[in-house]
Amino acid sequence: MAKYSRIEVASVMAKTGMVPLFFHTDVELGKKIVKACYDGGARLMEFTSRGDFAFEIFGALNKYALAELPGMILGVGSITDAAAASLYMQLGANFIVTPVLREDIAIACNRRKVLWSPGCGTLTEIARAEELGCEIVKLFPGDIYGPNFIKAIKGPCPWTSIMPTGGVSTSEDNLKGWFDAGVTCVGIGSQLISNEILANKDYDGLKLKVQETLAIIDKVRKK
C-alpha cells in the first residue's frame, strides 16, 4: 500500500514544484536514475507505465526507494483504467497519474486515499475532476494549451491546482512562463531525463540538471 497519503503527496508536489517522469526496462539503470534525481533534490518520481511487465519494474524500483532513499515518493503515470491503478497501488504506488479523466480510477484511488491526477483539457473536465476529489489536475498535453490557458482558468477558479505535463522544459523562460501563470508544479520527462543522459549513463549530469532545474523553479517563484 501507499506510504504517503494524498495530502502528503500534494504537499510535496507544491513544495518542490517538479515531478520527473521516467520509464526504462532496465531495473538497475532505473535505480540509478531515481537516485540521481533524489541526490539532485527531487522528492517525487512518476514512473510512466508504457512497456510490457512495467509493473514488475516499478515494484523493484519502489522497494529500492523505500529501503535506500528516505522521503522519495514514487508514483505511476499513463494509467488508463482502475484495474491498472489497483495493481500499482498494491505495489505501493503513492500517486496515480492518468492521460484522461476516468471516474473508475477516481473511485479506486479515493478509497485508499491515494492521490490521483487526471489529464484534463477543458474547464468542465477540471471541475468534474475536483468534484471527484482531485487535489492537483494534470494539464495534458501542456504544449497544446500553454500558460495562457492556465491564466484563464485561474481567473474564475483560483482554487484549482494544476500540473502541466508535455511542453515543459528546464529553461528559465519556459518555467517562468508556467509558474507566472499559476501552476502548482510541473511534470518534466525527456527534457530532464534525456535520451543522451540514458545512453551515456550520465548520472552525475542528471543530478546536476535536477539541482539546476529546482533552483530555477525556486527563483521564478520568488519573483
Protein backbone atom coordinates (compact mmCIF):
# COMPACT_ATOMS: atom_id res chain seq x y z
CA MET A 1 0.00 0.00 0.00
CA ALA A 2 1.00 3.64 -0.36
CA LYS A 3 3.31 5.03 2.32
CA TYR A 4 2.19 8.63 1.76
CA SER A 5 -1.38 9.96 1.82
CA ARG A 6 -2.77 12.07 -1.00
CA ILE A 7 -2.46 15.20 1.14
CA GLU A 8 1.19 14.46 1.90
CA VAL A 9 1.95 13.86 -1.78
CA ALA A 10 0.14 17.03 -2.85
CA SER A 11 2.12 18.99 -0.27
CA VAL A 12 5.45 17.71 -1.61
CA MET A 13 4.37 18.45 -5.18
CA ALA A 14 3.54 22.01 -4.18
CA LYS A 15 6.74 22.42 -2.15
CA THR A 16 9.25 21.11 -4.70
CA GLY A 17 7.38 22.24 -7.82
CA MET A 18 8.59 19.41 -10.05
CA VAL A 19 7.78 15.78 -10.83
CA PRO A 20 10.35 13.99 -13.04
CA LEU A 21 8.85 11.42 -15.47
CA PHE A 22 10.72 8.31 -16.45
CA PHE A 23 10.46 4.81 -17.92
CA HIS A 24 13.08 2.22 -18.78
CA THR A 25 13.05 -1.56 -18.93
CA ASP A 26 16.41 -1.91 -17.11
CA VAL A 27 15.78 -2.05 -13.36
CA GLU A 28 19.38 -1.35 -12.37
CA LEU A 29 19.55 1.65 -14.68
CA GLY A 30 16.23 2.80 -13.26
CA LYS A 31 17.59 2.67 -9.72
CA LYS A 32 20.49 4.90 -10.71
CA ILE A 33 18.13 7.37 -12.39
CA VAL A 34 15.91 7.53 -9.32
CA LYS A 35 18.94 8.02 -7.06
CA ALA A 36 20.40 10.75 -9.28
CA CYS A 37 17.12 12.64 -9.17
CA TYR A 38 16.94 12.12 -5.39
CA ASP A 39 20.52 13.30 -4.89
CA GLY A 40 19.68 16.34 -7.03
CA GLY A 41 16.87 17.28 -4.64
CA ALA A 42 13.79 15.74 -6.29
CA ARG A 43 11.43 14.03 -3.87
CA LEU A 44 8.94 12.70 -6.40
CA MET A 45 9.21 10.45 -9.44
CA GLU A 46 6.50 9.43 -11.88
CA PHE A 47 7.20 6.03 -13.43
CA THR A 48 5.37 6.01 -16.75
CA SER A 49 3.77 2.60 -17.29
CA ARG A 50 4.34 2.13 -21.00
CA GLY A 51 6.07 -1.20 -21.51
CA ASP A 52 5.44 -4.91 -21.06
CA PHE A 53 5.80 -6.06 -17.45
CA ALA A 54 6.23 -2.44 -16.37
CA PHE A 55 4.58 -3.25 -13.05
CA GLU A 56 7.44 -5.61 -12.19
CA ILE A 57 9.97 -2.86 -12.85
CA PHE A 58 8.04 -0.38 -10.73
CA GLY A 59 7.80 -2.87 -7.86
CA ALA A 60 11.58 -3.28 -7.82
CA LEU A 61 12.18 0.49 -8.01
CA ASN A 62 9.71 1.23 -5.24
CA LYS A 63 11.28 -1.37 -2.94
CA TYR A 64 14.65 0.23 -3.64
CA ALA A 65 13.37 3.73 -2.90
CA LEU A 66 11.71 2.63 0.33
CA ALA A 67 14.89 0.93 1.52
CA GLU A 68 17.55 3.36 0.32
CA LEU A 69 16.03 6.80 -0.36
CA PRO A 70 14.12 8.14 2.64
CA GLY A 71 11.42 10.60 1.65
CA MET A 72 11.43 9.67 -2.05
CA ILE A 73 7.84 9.34 -3.29
CA LEU A 74 7.27 7.09 -6.30
CA GLY A 75 4.05 7.09 -8.29
CA VAL A 76 2.88 5.80 -11.66
CA GLY A 77 1.69 7.56 -14.81
CA SER A 78 -0.02 6.59 -18.08
CA ILE A 79 -2.69 4.65 -16.18
CA THR A 80 -5.90 4.22 -18.19
CA ASP A 81 -8.21 2.08 -16.02
CA ALA A 82 -8.99 1.23 -12.41
CA ALA A 83 -7.57 -2.29 -12.66
CA ALA A 84 -4.12 -0.96 -13.54
CA ALA A 85 -4.38 1.67 -10.79
CA SER A 86 -5.27 -1.01 -8.23
CA LEU A 87 -2.37 -3.21 -9.34
CA TYR A 88 0.13 -0.40 -8.90
CA MET A 89 -1.34 0.64 -5.56
CA GLN A 90 -0.81 -2.94 -4.38
CA LEU A 91 2.85 -2.39 -5.29
CA GLY A 92 2.94 0.75 -3.17
CA ALA A 93 2.35 3.49 -5.73
CA ASN A 94 1.93 6.76 -3.82
CA PHE A 95 0.13 8.58 -6.62
CA ILE A 96 -1.58 7.73 -9.90
CA VAL A 97 -1.41 9.95 -12.98
CA THR A 98 -3.67 9.39 -15.98
CA PRO A 99 -3.82 10.84 -19.51
CA VAL A 100 -7.63 11.08 -19.29
CA LEU A 101 -10.38 11.69 -16.71
CA ARG A 102 -11.92 8.39 -15.61
CA GLU A 103 -14.27 8.08 -12.67
CA ASP A 104 -13.40 4.42 -12.06
CA ILE A 105 -9.81 5.45 -11.33
CA ALA A 106 -11.00 8.23 -9.03
CA ILE A 107 -13.09 5.76 -7.01
CA ALA A 108 -10.27 3.22 -6.72
CA CYS A 109 -7.73 5.82 -5.60
CA ASN A 110 -10.04 7.73 -3.26
CA ARG A 111 -10.95 4.51 -1.49
CA ARG A 112 -7.30 4.16 -0.47
CA LYS A 113 -6.64 7.91 -0.04
CA VAL A 114 -4.08 7.82 -2.84
CA LEU A 115 -3.56 11.00 -4.86
CA TRP A 116 -4.71 10.75 -8.47
CA SER A 117 -4.03 13.37 -11.12
CA PRO A 118 -6.14 13.03 -14.27
CA GLY A 119 -5.24 14.52 -17.62
CA CYS A 120 -7.77 17.27 -18.39
CA GLY A 121 -8.12 19.64 -21.32
CA THR A 122 -11.23 21.68 -20.56
CA LEU A 123 -12.51 23.64 -17.59
CA THR A 124 -15.51 21.30 -17.46
CA GLU A 125 -13.19 18.28 -17.10
CA ILE A 126 -11.18 20.08 -14.45
CA ALA A 127 -14.30 20.95 -12.48
CA ARG A 128 -15.52 17.35 -12.67
CA ALA A 129 -12.13 16.06 -11.51
CA GLU A 130 -12.28 18.38 -8.49
CA GLU A 131 -15.83 17.24 -7.73
CA LEU A 132 -14.42 13.70 -7.68
CA GLY A 133 -11.79 14.70 -5.11
CA CYS A 134 -8.78 15.56 -7.27
CA GLU A 135 -6.16 17.66 -5.47
CA ILE A 136 -3.90 18.51 -8.43
CA VAL A 137 -5.13 18.33 -12.01
CA LYS A 138 -2.79 17.34 -14.82
CA LEU A 139 -2.99 19.62 -17.85
CA PHE A 140 -2.21 17.38 -20.80
CA PRO A 141 -0.80 17.86 -23.32
CA GLY A 142 0.63 21.05 -21.85
CA ASP A 143 2.26 22.30 -25.04
CA ILE A 144 -1.11 22.39 -26.82
CA TYR A 145 -2.70 24.62 -24.18
CA GLY A 146 0.17 26.69 -22.81
CA PRO A 147 0.41 29.12 -19.86
CA ASN A 148 -2.34 31.42 -21.16
CA PHE A 149 -4.88 28.61 -20.80
CA ILE A 150 -3.91 28.27 -17.13
CA LYS A 151 -4.20 32.02 -16.56
CA ALA A 152 -7.70 31.89 -17.97
CA ILE A 153 -8.67 29.01 -15.68
CA LYS A 154 -7.21 30.57 -12.55
CA GLY A 155 -9.35 33.67 -13.07
CA PRO A 156 -12.74 32.14 -12.27
CA CYS A 157 -11.27 29.15 -10.37
CA PRO A 158 -8.31 30.41 -8.27
CA TRP A 159 -8.51 27.32 -6.05
CA THR A 160 -7.57 24.98 -8.90
CA SER A 161 -4.13 23.36 -8.64
CA ILE A 162 -2.58 22.43 -11.98
CA MET A 163 0.42 20.37 -13.12
CA PRO A 164 1.21 20.72 -16.83
CA THR A 165 2.94 17.78 -18.48
CA GLY A 166 4.22 17.89 -22.04
CA GLY A 167 5.78 21.08 -23.35
CA VAL A 168 7.64 21.79 -20.12
CA SER A 169 11.40 22.25 -20.44
CA THR A 170 14.18 23.04 -17.98
CA SER A 171 14.86 26.53 -19.37
CA GLU A 172 14.23 29.53 -17.13
CA ASP A 173 11.98 31.24 -19.67
CA ASN A 174 9.79 28.16 -20.06
CA LEU A 175 9.50 27.52 -16.33
CA LYS A 176 8.86 31.19 -15.57
CA GLY A 177 6.01 31.19 -18.06
CA TRP A 178 4.31 28.26 -16.38
CA PHE A 179 4.78 29.41 -12.79
CA ASP A 180 3.83 33.00 -13.57
CA ALA A 181 0.59 31.56 -14.98
CA GLY A 182 -0.11 29.94 -11.61
CA VAL A 183 0.84 26.25 -11.85
CA THR A 184 1.39 24.32 -8.64
CA CYS A 185 4.10 22.11 -10.12
CA VAL A 186 5.33 20.80 -13.46
CA GLY A 187 5.92 17.32 -14.85
CA ILE A 188 9.11 17.01 -16.89
CA GLY A 189 10.15 13.93 -18.87
CA SER A 190 12.69 13.77 -21.69
CA GLN A 191 13.60 17.44 -21.30
CA LEU A 192 15.07 16.46 -17.92
CA ILE A 193 15.96 12.78 -18.28
CA SER A 194 17.12 12.90 -21.88
CA ASN A 195 17.99 10.04 -24.22
CA GLU A 196 21.55 11.34 -24.18
CA ILE A 197 21.75 11.02 -20.41
CA LEU A 198 20.36 7.49 -20.62
CA ALA A 199 22.71 6.45 -23.44
CA ASN A 200 25.78 7.84 -21.68
CA LYS A 201 24.61 6.77 -18.21
CA ASP A 202 25.46 10.28 -17.11
CA TYR A 203 24.02 10.10 -13.62
CA ASP A 204 26.18 12.92 -12.27
CA GLY A 205 24.98 15.10 -15.14
CA LEU A 206 21.37 14.24 -14.30
CA LYS A 207 21.92 15.05 -10.64
CA LEU A 208 23.29 18.47 -11.62
CA LYS A 209 20.44 19.11 -14.06
CA VAL A 210 17.85 18.31 -11.39
CA GLN A 211 19.62 20.65 -8.95
CA GLU A 212 19.71 23.44 -11.53
CA THR A 213 16.06 22.98 -12.51
CA LEU A 214 14.85 23.04 -8.92
CA ALA A 215 16.93 26.17 -8.32
CA ILE A 216 15.31 27.85 -11.33
CA ILE A 217 11.84 26.91 -10.07
CA ASP A 218 12.67 28.37 -6.67
CA LYS A 219 13.95 31.54 -8.35
CA VAL A 220 10.96 32.14 -10.63
CA ARG A 221 8.53 31.50 -7.79
CA LYS A 222 10.11 34.29 -5.74
CA LYS A 223 9.79 36.91 -8.46
